Amino acid sequence: MSNQTRRFPAGGHDELSKGEIFDVLQNQRRRYVLEYLKRFEEPVSLSDLATQIAAWEYHTSVEDVTNDQKKRVYTTLQQTHLCKMEEAGIIEYDPDENLISRTQYTEELTVYLEIVPGSEFPWREFYLSLGAISTAIVVALWAGMFPLTLLTPLEWATVIAVTFTVSAAYHTYSGADMELGEDEFAPDEFDR
Protein backbone atom coordinates (compact mmCIF):
# COMPACT_ATOMS: atom_id res chain seq x y z
CA MET A 1 0.00 0.00 0.00
CA SER A 2 1.42 3.39 -0.88
CA ASN A 3 2.02 6.05 1.73
CA GLN A 4 -0.32 8.37 -0.19
CA THR A 5 -3.36 6.27 0.70
CA ARG A 6 -2.42 5.62 4.33
CA ARG A 7 -4.35 7.34 7.06
CA PHE A 8 -1.14 7.66 9.07
CA PRO A 9 1.44 9.19 6.73
CA ALA A 10 5.10 9.17 7.63
CA GLY A 11 4.88 12.68 9.07
CA GLY A 12 2.06 11.64 11.38
CA HIS A 13 -0.06 14.70 10.56
CA ASP A 14 -3.23 12.81 9.69
CA GLU A 15 -4.54 10.67 12.53
CA LEU A 16 -7.52 8.38 12.90
CA SER A 17 -10.48 9.66 14.85
CA LYS A 18 -11.63 7.71 17.88
CA GLY A 19 -14.63 6.53 15.85
CA GLU A 20 -12.39 5.14 13.13
CA ILE A 21 -10.17 3.43 15.71
CA PHE A 22 -13.15 1.84 17.43
CA ASP A 23 -14.52 0.77 14.04
CA VAL A 24 -11.29 -1.10 13.36
CA LEU A 25 -10.96 -2.49 16.89
CA GLN A 26 -14.57 -3.49 17.48
CA ASN A 27 -13.80 -6.89 16.00
CA GLN A 28 -12.21 -9.46 18.32
CA ARG A 29 -10.01 -10.95 15.59
CA ARG A 30 -8.46 -7.56 14.85
CA ARG A 31 -7.73 -7.13 18.55
CA TYR A 32 -6.11 -10.58 18.53
CA VAL A 33 -3.94 -9.47 15.60
CA LEU A 34 -2.65 -6.54 17.64
CA GLU A 35 -2.07 -8.71 20.68
CA TYR A 36 -0.03 -11.15 18.62
CA LEU A 37 1.95 -8.45 16.82
CA LYS A 38 2.93 -6.60 19.97
CA ARG A 39 4.83 -9.71 21.07
CA PHE A 40 7.15 -9.64 18.04
CA GLU A 41 9.38 -6.96 16.60
CA GLU A 42 9.85 -8.75 13.30
CA PRO A 43 7.14 -9.45 10.69
CA VAL A 44 4.97 -12.50 11.35
CA SER A 45 3.54 -14.94 8.86
CA LEU A 46 -0.17 -15.03 8.18
CA SER A 47 -0.09 -18.77 8.76
CA ASP A 48 1.39 -18.43 12.27
CA LEU A 49 -0.97 -15.57 13.09
CA ALA A 50 -4.04 -17.52 11.94
CA THR A 51 -2.98 -20.60 13.88
CA GLN A 52 -2.50 -18.64 17.12
CA ILE A 53 -5.78 -16.74 16.75
CA ALA A 54 -7.61 -20.01 16.08
CA ALA A 55 -6.03 -21.46 19.23
CA TRP A 56 -7.25 -18.47 21.27
CA GLU A 57 -10.73 -18.55 19.75
CA TYR A 58 -11.19 -22.29 20.20
CA HIS A 59 -9.50 -22.34 23.62
CA THR A 60 -6.94 -24.89 22.58
CA SER A 61 -3.21 -25.14 22.03
CA VAL A 62 -1.55 -24.26 18.72
CA GLU A 63 -0.73 -27.93 18.23
CA ASP A 64 -4.41 -28.92 18.55
CA VAL A 65 -5.80 -26.39 16.06
CA THR A 66 -7.48 -28.22 13.20
CA ASN A 67 -6.97 -27.31 9.55
CA ASP A 68 -10.62 -26.20 9.31
CA GLN A 69 -10.28 -23.90 12.33
CA LYS A 70 -7.10 -22.36 10.97
CA LYS A 71 -8.57 -22.01 7.48
CA ARG A 72 -11.65 -20.11 8.78
CA VAL A 73 -9.45 -17.63 10.64
CA TYR A 74 -6.86 -17.39 7.83
CA THR A 75 -9.50 -16.62 5.20
CA THR A 76 -11.24 -13.84 7.14
CA LEU A 77 -7.92 -12.30 8.13
CA GLN A 78 -6.70 -12.33 4.54
CA GLN A 79 -9.93 -11.14 2.91
CA THR A 80 -11.17 -8.62 5.47
CA HIS A 81 -9.37 -7.81 8.66
CA LEU A 82 -5.78 -7.28 7.56
CA CYS A 83 -6.79 -5.04 4.67
CA LYS A 84 -8.93 -2.90 6.95
CA MET A 85 -6.13 -2.61 9.49
CA GLU A 86 -3.59 -1.74 6.80
CA GLU A 87 -5.90 0.89 5.31
CA ALA A 88 -5.97 2.53 8.74
CA GLY A 89 -2.17 2.37 8.96
CA ILE A 90 -2.30 0.14 12.03
CA ILE A 91 -0.33 -2.66 10.40
CA GLU A 92 1.56 -3.34 7.21
CA TYR A 93 0.42 -6.38 5.25
CA ASP A 94 2.35 -7.88 2.34
CA PRO A 95 -0.14 -10.17 0.57
CA ASP A 96 2.55 -11.54 -1.77
CA GLU A 97 4.71 -12.78 1.11
CA ASN A 98 1.78 -13.17 3.56
CA LEU A 99 3.69 -11.19 6.18
CA ILE A 100 2.22 -8.79 8.72
CA SER A 101 4.31 -6.09 10.37
CA ARG A 102 3.78 -3.56 13.09
CA THR A 103 3.78 0.13 12.32
CA GLN A 104 4.66 3.00 14.59
CA TYR A 105 0.95 3.26 15.41
CA THR A 106 0.40 -0.35 16.48
CA GLU A 107 1.57 0.28 20.05
CA GLU A 108 -0.36 3.54 20.34
CA LEU A 109 -3.62 1.61 20.02
CA THR A 110 -3.04 -0.21 23.30
CA VAL A 111 -4.96 2.50 25.14
CA TYR A 112 -7.99 1.73 22.99
CA LEU A 113 -7.66 -1.99 23.58
CA GLU A 114 -8.02 -1.25 27.29
CA ILE A 115 -11.45 0.20 26.60
CA VAL A 116 -12.74 -2.67 24.47
CA PRO A 117 -11.59 -5.84 26.20
CA GLY A 118 -13.09 -9.02 24.90
CA SER A 119 -13.68 -10.97 28.09
CA GLU A 120 -14.06 -8.40 30.84
CA PHE A 121 -16.01 -9.40 33.93
CA PRO A 122 -19.63 -8.19 33.45
CA TRP A 123 -19.53 -5.44 36.08
CA ARG A 124 -22.84 -3.87 34.98
CA GLU A 125 -24.63 -7.14 35.68
CA PHE A 126 -22.77 -7.53 38.98
CA TYR A 127 -23.84 -4.09 40.22
CA LEU A 128 -27.39 -4.62 38.98
CA SER A 129 -27.56 -7.91 40.90
CA LEU A 130 -26.02 -6.33 43.99
CA GLY A 131 -28.58 -3.53 43.82
CA ALA A 132 -31.45 -6.01 43.41
CA ILE A 133 -30.28 -8.07 46.40
CA SER A 134 -29.91 -4.93 48.51
CA THR A 135 -33.43 -3.82 47.57
CA ALA A 136 -34.80 -7.26 48.45
CA ILE A 137 -33.11 -7.06 51.86
CA VAL A 138 -34.62 -3.62 52.52
CA VAL A 139 -38.10 -4.84 51.50
CA ALA A 140 -37.71 -7.92 53.71
CA LEU A 141 -36.65 -5.69 56.61
CA TRP A 142 -39.73 -3.49 56.14
CA ALA A 143 -41.87 -6.63 56.15
CA GLY A 144 -40.15 -7.85 59.32
CA MET A 145 -39.06 -11.17 57.79
CA PHE A 146 -37.08 -13.50 59.98
CA PRO A 147 -34.00 -14.17 59.97
CA LEU A 148 -33.17 -10.77 58.45
CA THR A 149 -34.50 -9.12 61.58
CA LEU A 150 -31.60 -10.61 63.55
CA LEU A 151 -29.58 -7.59 62.42
CA THR A 152 -30.79 -4.02 62.89
CA PRO A 153 -31.52 -1.88 59.82
CA LEU A 154 -28.37 0.16 60.59
CA GLU A 155 -26.28 -3.05 60.60
CA TRP A 156 -27.81 -4.10 57.27
CA ALA A 157 -27.12 -0.63 55.84
CA THR A 158 -23.51 -1.03 56.94
CA VAL A 159 -23.25 -4.47 55.31
CA ILE A 160 -24.72 -3.11 52.05
CA ALA A 161 -22.50 -0.01 52.06
CA VAL A 162 -19.36 -2.05 52.77
CA THR A 163 -20.26 -4.57 50.05
CA PHE A 164 -20.70 -1.82 47.44
CA THR A 165 -17.52 -0.04 48.56
CA VAL A 166 -15.38 -3.21 48.48
CA SER A 167 -16.84 -4.17 45.09
CA ALA A 168 -16.19 -0.73 43.62
CA ALA A 169 -12.66 -0.67 45.07
CA TYR A 170 -11.89 -4.08 43.56
CA HIS A 171 -13.43 -3.03 40.23
CA THR A 172 -11.30 0.12 40.21
CA TYR A 173 -8.14 -1.75 41.18
CA SER A 174 -8.61 -4.58 38.68
CA GLY A 175 -9.52 -2.18 35.89
CA ALA A 176 -6.55 0.14 36.46
CA ASP A 177 -4.19 -2.12 34.52
CA MET A 178 -6.78 -3.79 32.30
CA GLU A 179 -5.22 -4.43 28.96
CA LEU A 180 -5.91 -6.89 26.20
CA GLY A 181 -3.61 -9.73 26.92
CA GLU A 182 -3.71 -9.68 30.69
CA ASP A 183 -7.09 -11.36 30.98
CA GLU A 184 -7.55 -12.90 27.56
CA PHE A 185 -4.12 -14.37 27.06
CA ALA A 186 -2.55 -16.38 29.82
CA PRO A 187 1.20 -16.85 29.24
CA ASP A 188 0.86 -20.62 28.92
CA GLU A 189 -1.76 -20.21 26.18
CA PHE A 190 0.62 -18.28 23.97
CA ASP A 191 2.41 -20.47 21.49
CA ARG A 192 3.88 -19.37 18.25
C-alpha atoms as a PDB file:
ATOM      1  CA  MET A   1       0.000   0.000   0.000  1.00  0.00           C
ATOM      2  CA  SER A   2       1.425   3.391  -0.880  1.00  0.00           C
ATOM      3  CA  ASN A   3       2.020   6.048   1.730  1.00  0.00           C
ATOM      4  CA  GLN A   4      -0.316   8.374  -0.189  1.00  0.00           C
ATOM      5  CA  THR A   5      -3.359   6.268   0.697  1.00  0.00           C
ATOM      6  CA  ARG A   6      -2.423   5.623   4.325  1.00  0.00           C
ATOM      7  CA  ARG A   7      -4.348   7.340   7.057  1.00  0.00           C
ATOM      8  CA  PHE A   8      -1.138   7.660   9.069  1.00  0.00           C
ATOM      9  CA  PRO A   9       1.436   9.189   6.728  1.00  0.00           C
ATOM     10  CA  ALA A  10       5.102   9.166   7.631  1.00  0.00           C
ATOM     11  CA  GLY A  11       4.878  12.684   9.069  1.00  0.00           C
ATOM     12  CA  GLY A  12       2.056  11.636  11.381  1.00  0.00           C
ATOM     13  CA  HIS A  13      -0.064  14.705  10.558  1.00  0.00           C
ATOM     14  CA  ASP A  14      -3.233  12.815   9.687  1.00  0.00           C
ATOM     15  CA  GLU A  15      -4.541  10.669  12.526  1.00  0.00           C
ATOM     16  CA  LEU A  16      -7.523   8.384  12.898  1.00  0.00           C
ATOM     17  CA  SER A  17     -10.475   9.662  14.852  1.00  0.00           C
ATOM     18  CA  LYS A  18     -11.631   7.710  17.879  1.00  0.00           C
ATOM     19  CA  GLY A  19     -14.630   6.528  15.855  1.00  0.00           C
ATOM     20  CA  GLU A  20     -12.395   5.138  13.128  1.00  0.00           C
ATOM     21  CA  ILE A  21     -10.171   3.430  15.706  1.00  0.00           C
ATOM     22  CA  PHE A  22     -13.153   1.836  17.431  1.00  0.00           C
ATOM     23  CA  ASP A  23     -14.519   0.772  14.044  1.00  0.00           C
ATOM     24  CA  VAL A  24     -11.287  -1.099  13.364  1.00  0.00           C
ATOM     25  CA  LEU A  25     -10.958  -2.488  16.895  1.00  0.00           C
ATOM     26  CA  GLN A  26     -14.569  -3.488  17.481  1.00  0.00           C
ATOM     27  CA  ASN A  27     -13.804  -6.892  15.996  1.00  0.00           C
ATOM     28  CA  GLN A  28     -12.214  -9.458  18.319  1.00  0.00           C
ATOM     29  CA  ARG A  29     -10.006 -10.947  15.593  1.00  0.00           C
ATOM     30  CA  ARG A  30      -8.457  -7.561  14.850  1.00  0.00           C
ATOM     31  CA  ARG A  31      -7.726  -7.126  18.553  1.00  0.00           C
ATOM     32  CA  TYR A  32      -6.113 -10.577  18.535  1.00  0.00           C
ATOM     33  CA  VAL A  33      -3.943  -9.470  15.599  1.00  0.00           C
ATOM     34  CA  LEU A  34      -2.651  -6.536  17.636  1.00  0.00           C
ATOM     35  CA  GLU A  35      -2.068  -8.708  20.682  1.00  0.00           C
ATOM     36  CA  TYR A  36      -0.033 -11.150  18.618  1.00  0.00           C
ATOM     37  CA  LEU A  37       1.950  -8.446  16.824  1.00  0.00           C
ATOM     38  CA  LYS A  38       2.928  -6.603  19.973  1.00  0.00           C
ATOM     39  CA  ARG A  39       4.832  -9.708  21.075  1.00  0.00           C
ATOM     40  CA  PHE A  40       7.145  -9.642  18.038  1.00  0.00           C
ATOM     41  CA  GLU A  41       9.376  -6.957  16.603  1.00  0.00           C
ATOM     42  CA  GLU A  42       9.853  -8.751  13.295  1.00  0.00           C
ATOM     43  CA  PRO A  43       7.136  -9.446  10.685  1.00  0.00           C
ATOM     44  CA  VAL A  44       4.968 -12.496  11.351  1.00  0.00           C
ATOM     45  CA  SER A  45       3.542 -14.936   8.859  1.00  0.00           C
ATOM     46  CA  LEU A  46      -0.169 -15.025   8.181  1.00  0.00           C
ATOM     47  CA  SER A  47      -0.090 -18.770   8.764  1.00  0.00           C
ATOM     48  CA  ASP A  48       1.393 -18.426  12.268  1.00  0.00           C
ATOM     49  CA  LEU A  49      -0.971 -15.571  13.090  1.00  0.00           C
ATOM     50  CA  ALA A  50      -4.038 -17.516  11.938  1.00  0.00           C
ATOM     51  CA  THR A  51      -2.978 -20.600  13.885  1.00  0.00           C
ATOM     52  CA  GLN A  52      -2.504 -18.644  17.119  1.00  0.00           C
ATOM     53  CA  ILE A  53      -5.776 -16.740  16.752  1.00  0.00           C
ATOM     54  CA  ALA A  54      -7.605 -20.009  16.077  1.00  0.00           C
ATOM     55  CA  ALA A  55      -6.032 -21.459  19.235  1.00  0.00           C
ATOM     56  CA  TRP A  56      -7.254 -18.475  21.273  1.00  0.00           C
ATOM     57  CA  GLU A  57     -10.731 -18.554  19.746  1.00  0.00           C
ATOM     58  CA  TYR A  58     -11.192 -22.292  20.200  1.00  0.00           C
ATOM     59  CA  HIS A  59      -9.501 -22.337  23.623  1.00  0.00           C
ATOM     60  CA  THR A  60      -6.938 -24.892  22.579  1.00  0.00           C
ATOM     61  CA  SER A  61      -3.212 -25.138  22.026  1.00  0.00           C
ATOM     62  CA  VAL A  62      -1.554 -24.261  18.724  1.00  0.00           C
ATOM     63  CA  GLU A  63      -0.729 -27.927  18.227  1.00  0.00           C
ATOM     64  CA  ASP A  64      -4.414 -28.920  18.550  1.00  0.00           C
ATOM     65  CA  VAL A  65      -5.797 -26.388  16.058  1.00  0.00           C
ATOM     66  CA  THR A  66      -7.475 -28.220  13.196  1.00  0.00           C
ATOM     67  CA  ASN A  67      -6.973 -27.306   9.555  1.00  0.00           C
ATOM     68  CA  ASP A  68     -10.618 -26.199   9.311  1.00  0.00           C
ATOM     69  CA  GLN A  69     -10.284 -23.903  12.334  1.00  0.00           C
ATOM     70  CA  LYS A  70      -7.097 -22.361  10.965  1.00  0.00           C
ATOM     71  CA  LYS A  71      -8.574 -22.007   7.483  1.00  0.00           C
ATOM     72  CA  ARG A  72     -11.646 -20.111   8.784  1.00  0.00           C
ATOM     73  CA  VAL A  73      -9.447 -17.633  10.641  1.00  0.00           C
ATOM     74  CA  TYR A  74      -6.860 -17.393   7.827  1.00  0.00           C
ATOM     75  CA  THR A  75      -9.496 -16.615   5.205  1.00  0.00           C
ATOM     76  CA  THR A  76     -11.236 -13.836   7.135  1.00  0.00           C
ATOM     77  CA  LEU A  77      -7.915 -12.297   8.131  1.00  0.00           C
ATOM     78  CA  GLN A  78      -6.703 -12.332   4.539  1.00  0.00           C
ATOM     79  CA  GLN A  79      -9.928 -11.142   2.914  1.00  0.00           C
ATOM     80  CA  THR A  80     -11.167  -8.618   5.467  1.00  0.00           C
ATOM     81  CA  HIS A  81      -9.368  -7.809   8.661  1.00  0.00           C
ATOM     82  CA  LEU A  82      -5.777  -7.281   7.565  1.00  0.00           C
ATOM     83  CA  CYS A  83      -6.791  -5.040   4.665  1.00  0.00           C
ATOM     84  CA  LYS A  84      -8.934  -2.901   6.946  1.00  0.00           C
ATOM     85  CA  MET A  85      -6.132  -2.609   9.487  1.00  0.00           C
ATOM     86  CA  GLU A  86      -3.585  -1.735   6.803  1.00  0.00           C
ATOM     87  CA  GLU A  87      -5.896   0.893   5.315  1.00  0.00           C
ATOM     88  CA  ALA A  88      -5.975   2.529   8.737  1.00  0.00           C
ATOM     89  CA  GLY A  89      -2.169   2.372   8.962  1.00  0.00           C
ATOM     90  CA  ILE A  90      -2.305   0.142  12.032  1.00  0.00           C
ATOM     91  CA  ILE A  91      -0.328  -2.663  10.400  1.00  0.00           C
ATOM     92  CA  GLU A  92       1.564  -3.343   7.205  1.00  0.00           C
ATOM     93  CA  TYR A  93       0.417  -6.380   5.249  1.00  0.00           C
ATOM     94  CA  ASP A  94       2.348  -7.879   2.342  1.00  0.00           C
ATOM     95  CA  PRO A  95      -0.142 -10.173   0.565  1.00  0.00           C
ATOM     96  CA  ASP A  96       2.545 -11.535  -1.771  1.00  0.00           C
ATOM     97  CA  GLU A  97       4.708 -12.778   1.105  1.00  0.00           C
ATOM     98  CA  ASN A  98       1.777 -13.168   3.555  1.00  0.00           C
ATOM     99  CA  LEU A  99       3.685 -11.189   6.175  1.00  0.00           C
ATOM    100  CA  ILE A 100       2.217  -8.795   8.716  1.00  0.00           C
ATOM    101  CA  SER A 101       4.312  -6.093  10.372  1.00  0.00           C
ATOM    102  CA  ARG A 102       3.778  -3.560  13.095  1.00  0.00           C
ATOM    103  CA  THR A 103       3.781   0.131  12.316  1.00  0.00           C
ATOM    104  CA  GLN A 104       4.660   3.000  14.590  1.00  0.00           C
ATOM    105  CA  TYR A 105       0.954   3.261  15.405  1.00  0.00           C
ATOM    106  CA  THR A 106       0.404  -0.352  16.479  1.00  0.00           C
ATOM    107  CA  GLU A 107       1.566   0.277  20.049  1.00  0.00           C
ATOM    108  CA  GLU A 108      -0.363   3.539  20.336  1.00  0.00           C
ATOM    109  CA  LEU A 109      -3.625   1.612  20.018  1.00  0.00           C
ATOM    110  CA  THR A 110      -3.041  -0.213  23.297  1.00  0.00           C
ATOM    111  CA  VAL A 111      -4.964   2.496  25.138  1.00  0.00           C
ATOM    112  CA  TYR A 112      -7.993   1.734  22.992  1.00  0.00           C
ATOM    113  CA  LEU A 113      -7.659  -1.990  23.585  1.00  0.00           C
ATOM    114  CA  GLU A 114      -8.018  -1.247  27.292  1.00  0.00           C
ATOM    115  CA  ILE A 115     -11.454   0.202  26.605  1.00  0.00           C
ATOM    116  CA  VAL A 116     -12.741  -2.671  24.465  1.00  0.00           C
ATOM    117  CA  PRO A 117     -11.586  -5.840  26.202  1.00  0.00           C
ATOM    118  CA  GLY A 118     -13.094  -9.024  24.903  1.00  0.00           C
ATOM    119  CA  SER A 119     -13.676 -10.968  28.092  1.00  0.00           C
ATOM    120  CA  GLU A 120     -14.058  -8.401  30.838  1.00  0.00           C
ATOM    121  CA  PHE A 121     -16.011  -9.403  33.931  1.00  0.00           C
ATOM    122  CA  PRO A 122     -19.630  -8.195  33.450  1.00  0.00           C
ATOM    123  CA  TRP A 123     -19.534  -5.437  36.082  1.00  0.00           C
ATOM    124  CA  ARG A 124     -22.842  -3.874  34.981  1.00  0.00           C
ATOM    125  CA  GLU A 125     -24.627  -7.143  35.684  1.00  0.00           C
ATOM    126  CA  PHE A 126     -22.769  -7.534  38.980  1.00  0.00           C
ATOM    127  CA  TYR A 127     -23.839  -4.094  40.218  1.00  0.00           C
ATOM    128  CA  LEU A 128     -27.393  -4.620  38.983  1.00  0.00           C
ATOM    129  CA  SER A 129     -27.563  -7.911  40.900  1.00  0.00           C
ATOM    130  CA  LEU A 130     -26.023  -6.333  43.988  1.00  0.00           C
ATOM    131  CA  GLY A 131     -28.576  -3.527  43.822  1.00  0.00           C
ATOM    132  CA  ALA A 132     -31.448  -6.008  43.409  1.00  0.00           C
ATOM    133  CA  ILE A 133     -30.276  -8.070  46.401  1.00  0.00           C
ATOM    134  CA  SER A 134     -29.908  -4.934  48.507  1.00  0.00           C
ATOM    135  CA  THR A 135     -33.427  -3.821  47.566  1.00  0.00           C
ATOM    136  CA  ALA A 136     -34.803  -7.262  48.455  1.00  0.00           C
ATOM    137  CA  ILE A 137     -33.109  -7.064  51.859  1.00  0.00           C
ATOM    138  CA  VAL A 138     -34.617  -3.616  52.516  1.00  0.00           C
ATOM    139  CA  VAL A 139     -38.096  -4.842  51.501  1.00  0.00           C
ATOM    140  CA  ALA A 140     -37.706  -7.916  53.713  1.00  0.00           C
ATOM    141  CA  LEU A 141     -36.653  -5.686  56.607  1.00  0.00           C
ATOM    142  CA  TRP A 142     -39.728  -3.492  56.135  1.00  0.00           C
ATOM    143  CA  ALA A 143     -41.874  -6.631  56.147  1.00  0.00           C
ATOM    144  CA  GLY A 144     -40.148  -7.852  59.318  1.00  0.00           C
ATOM    145  CA  MET A 145     -39.061 -11.169  57.789  1.00  0.00           C
ATOM    146  CA  PHE A 146     -37.081 -13.497  59.982  1.00  0.00           C
ATOM    147  CA  PRO A 147     -33.995 -14.165  59.968  1.00  0.00           C
ATOM    148  CA  LEU A 148     -33.170 -10.767  58.446  1.00  0.00           C
ATOM    149  CA  THR A 149     -34.496  -9.116  61.577  1.00  0.00           C
ATOM    150  CA  LEU A 150     -31.604 -10.609  63.549  1.00  0.00           C
ATOM    151  CA  LEU A 151     -29.583  -7.589  62.420  1.00  0.00           C
ATOM    152  CA  THR A 152     -30.792  -4.024  62.893  1.00  0.00           C
ATOM    153  CA  PRO A 153     -31.523  -1.885  59.822  1.00  0.00           C
ATOM    154  CA  LEU A 154     -28.373   0.157  60.588  1.00  0.00           C
ATOM    155  CA  GLU A 155     -26.280  -3.049  60.599  1.00  0.00           C
ATOM    156  CA  TRP A 156     -27.809  -4.098  57.272  1.00  0.00           C
ATOM    157  CA  ALA A 157     -27.119  -0.629  55.837  1.00  0.00           C
ATOM    158  CA  THR A 158     -23.505  -1.026  56.943  1.00  0.00           C
ATOM    159  CA  VAL A 159     -23.248  -4.467  55.306  1.00  0.00           C
ATOM    160  CA  ILE A 160     -24.719  -3.110  52.051  1.00  0.00           C
ATOM    161  CA  ALA A 161     -22.497  -0.008  52.060  1.00  0.00           C
ATOM    162  CA  VAL A 162     -19.359  -2.052  52.767  1.00  0.00           C
ATOM    163  CA  THR A 163     -20.264  -4.566  50.046  1.00  0.00           C
ATOM    164  CA  PHE A 164     -20.702  -1.819  47.443  1.00  0.00           C
ATOM    165  CA  THR A 165     -17.519  -0.043  48.556  1.00  0.00           C
ATOM    166  CA  VAL A 166     -15.384  -3.208  48.477  1.00  0.00           C
ATOM    167  CA  SER A 167     -16.836  -4.174  45.088  1.00  0.00           C
ATOM    168  CA  ALA A 168     -16.185  -0.732  43.624  1.00  0.00           C
ATOM    169  CA  ALA A 169     -12.660  -0.670  45.069  1.00  0.00           C
ATOM    170  CA  TYR A 170     -11.890  -4.076  43.562  1.00  0.00           C
ATOM    171  CA  HIS A 171     -13.426  -3.030  40.230  1.00  0.00           C
ATOM    172  CA  THR A 172     -11.301   0.125  40.212  1.00  0.00           C
ATOM    173  CA  TYR A 173      -8.138  -1.748  41.178  1.00  0.00           C
ATOM    174  CA  SER A 174      -8.614  -4.583  38.682  1.00  0.00           C
ATOM    175  CA  GLY A 175      -9.516  -2.176  35.888  1.00  0.00           C
ATOM    176  CA  ALA A 176      -6.547   0.136  36.459  1.00  0.00           C
ATOM    177  CA  ASP A 177      -4.187  -2.120  34.524  1.00  0.00           C
ATOM    178  CA  MET A 178      -6.779  -3.788  32.300  1.00  0.00           C
ATOM    179  CA  GLU A 179      -5.223  -4.433  28.964  1.00  0.00           C
ATOM    180  CA  LEU A 180      -5.909  -6.886  26.203  1.00  0.00           C
ATOM    181  CA  GLY A 181      -3.606  -9.731  26.918  1.00  0.00           C
ATOM    182  CA  GLU A 182      -3.713  -9.677  30.689  1.00  0.00           C
ATOM    183  CA  ASP A 183      -7.088 -11.361  30.983  1.00  0.00           C
ATOM    184  CA  GLU A 184      -7.553 -12.904  27.562  1.00  0.00           C
ATOM    185  CA  PHE A 185      -4.123 -14.374  27.064  1.00  0.00           C
ATOM    186  CA  ALA A 186      -2.550 -16.375  29.817  1.00  0.00           C
ATOM    187  CA  PRO A 187       1.204 -16.850  29.235  1.00  0.00           C
ATOM    188  CA  ASP A 188       0.864 -20.624  28.924  1.00  0.00           C
ATOM    189  CA  GLU A 189      -1.760 -20.208  26.185  1.00  0.00           C
ATOM    190  CA  PHE A 190       0.620 -18.279  23.971  1.00  0.00           C
ATOM    191  CA  ASP A 191       2.406 -20.471  21.494  1.00  0.00           C
ATOM    192  CA  ARG A 192       3.876 -19.370  18.254  1.00  0.00           C
END
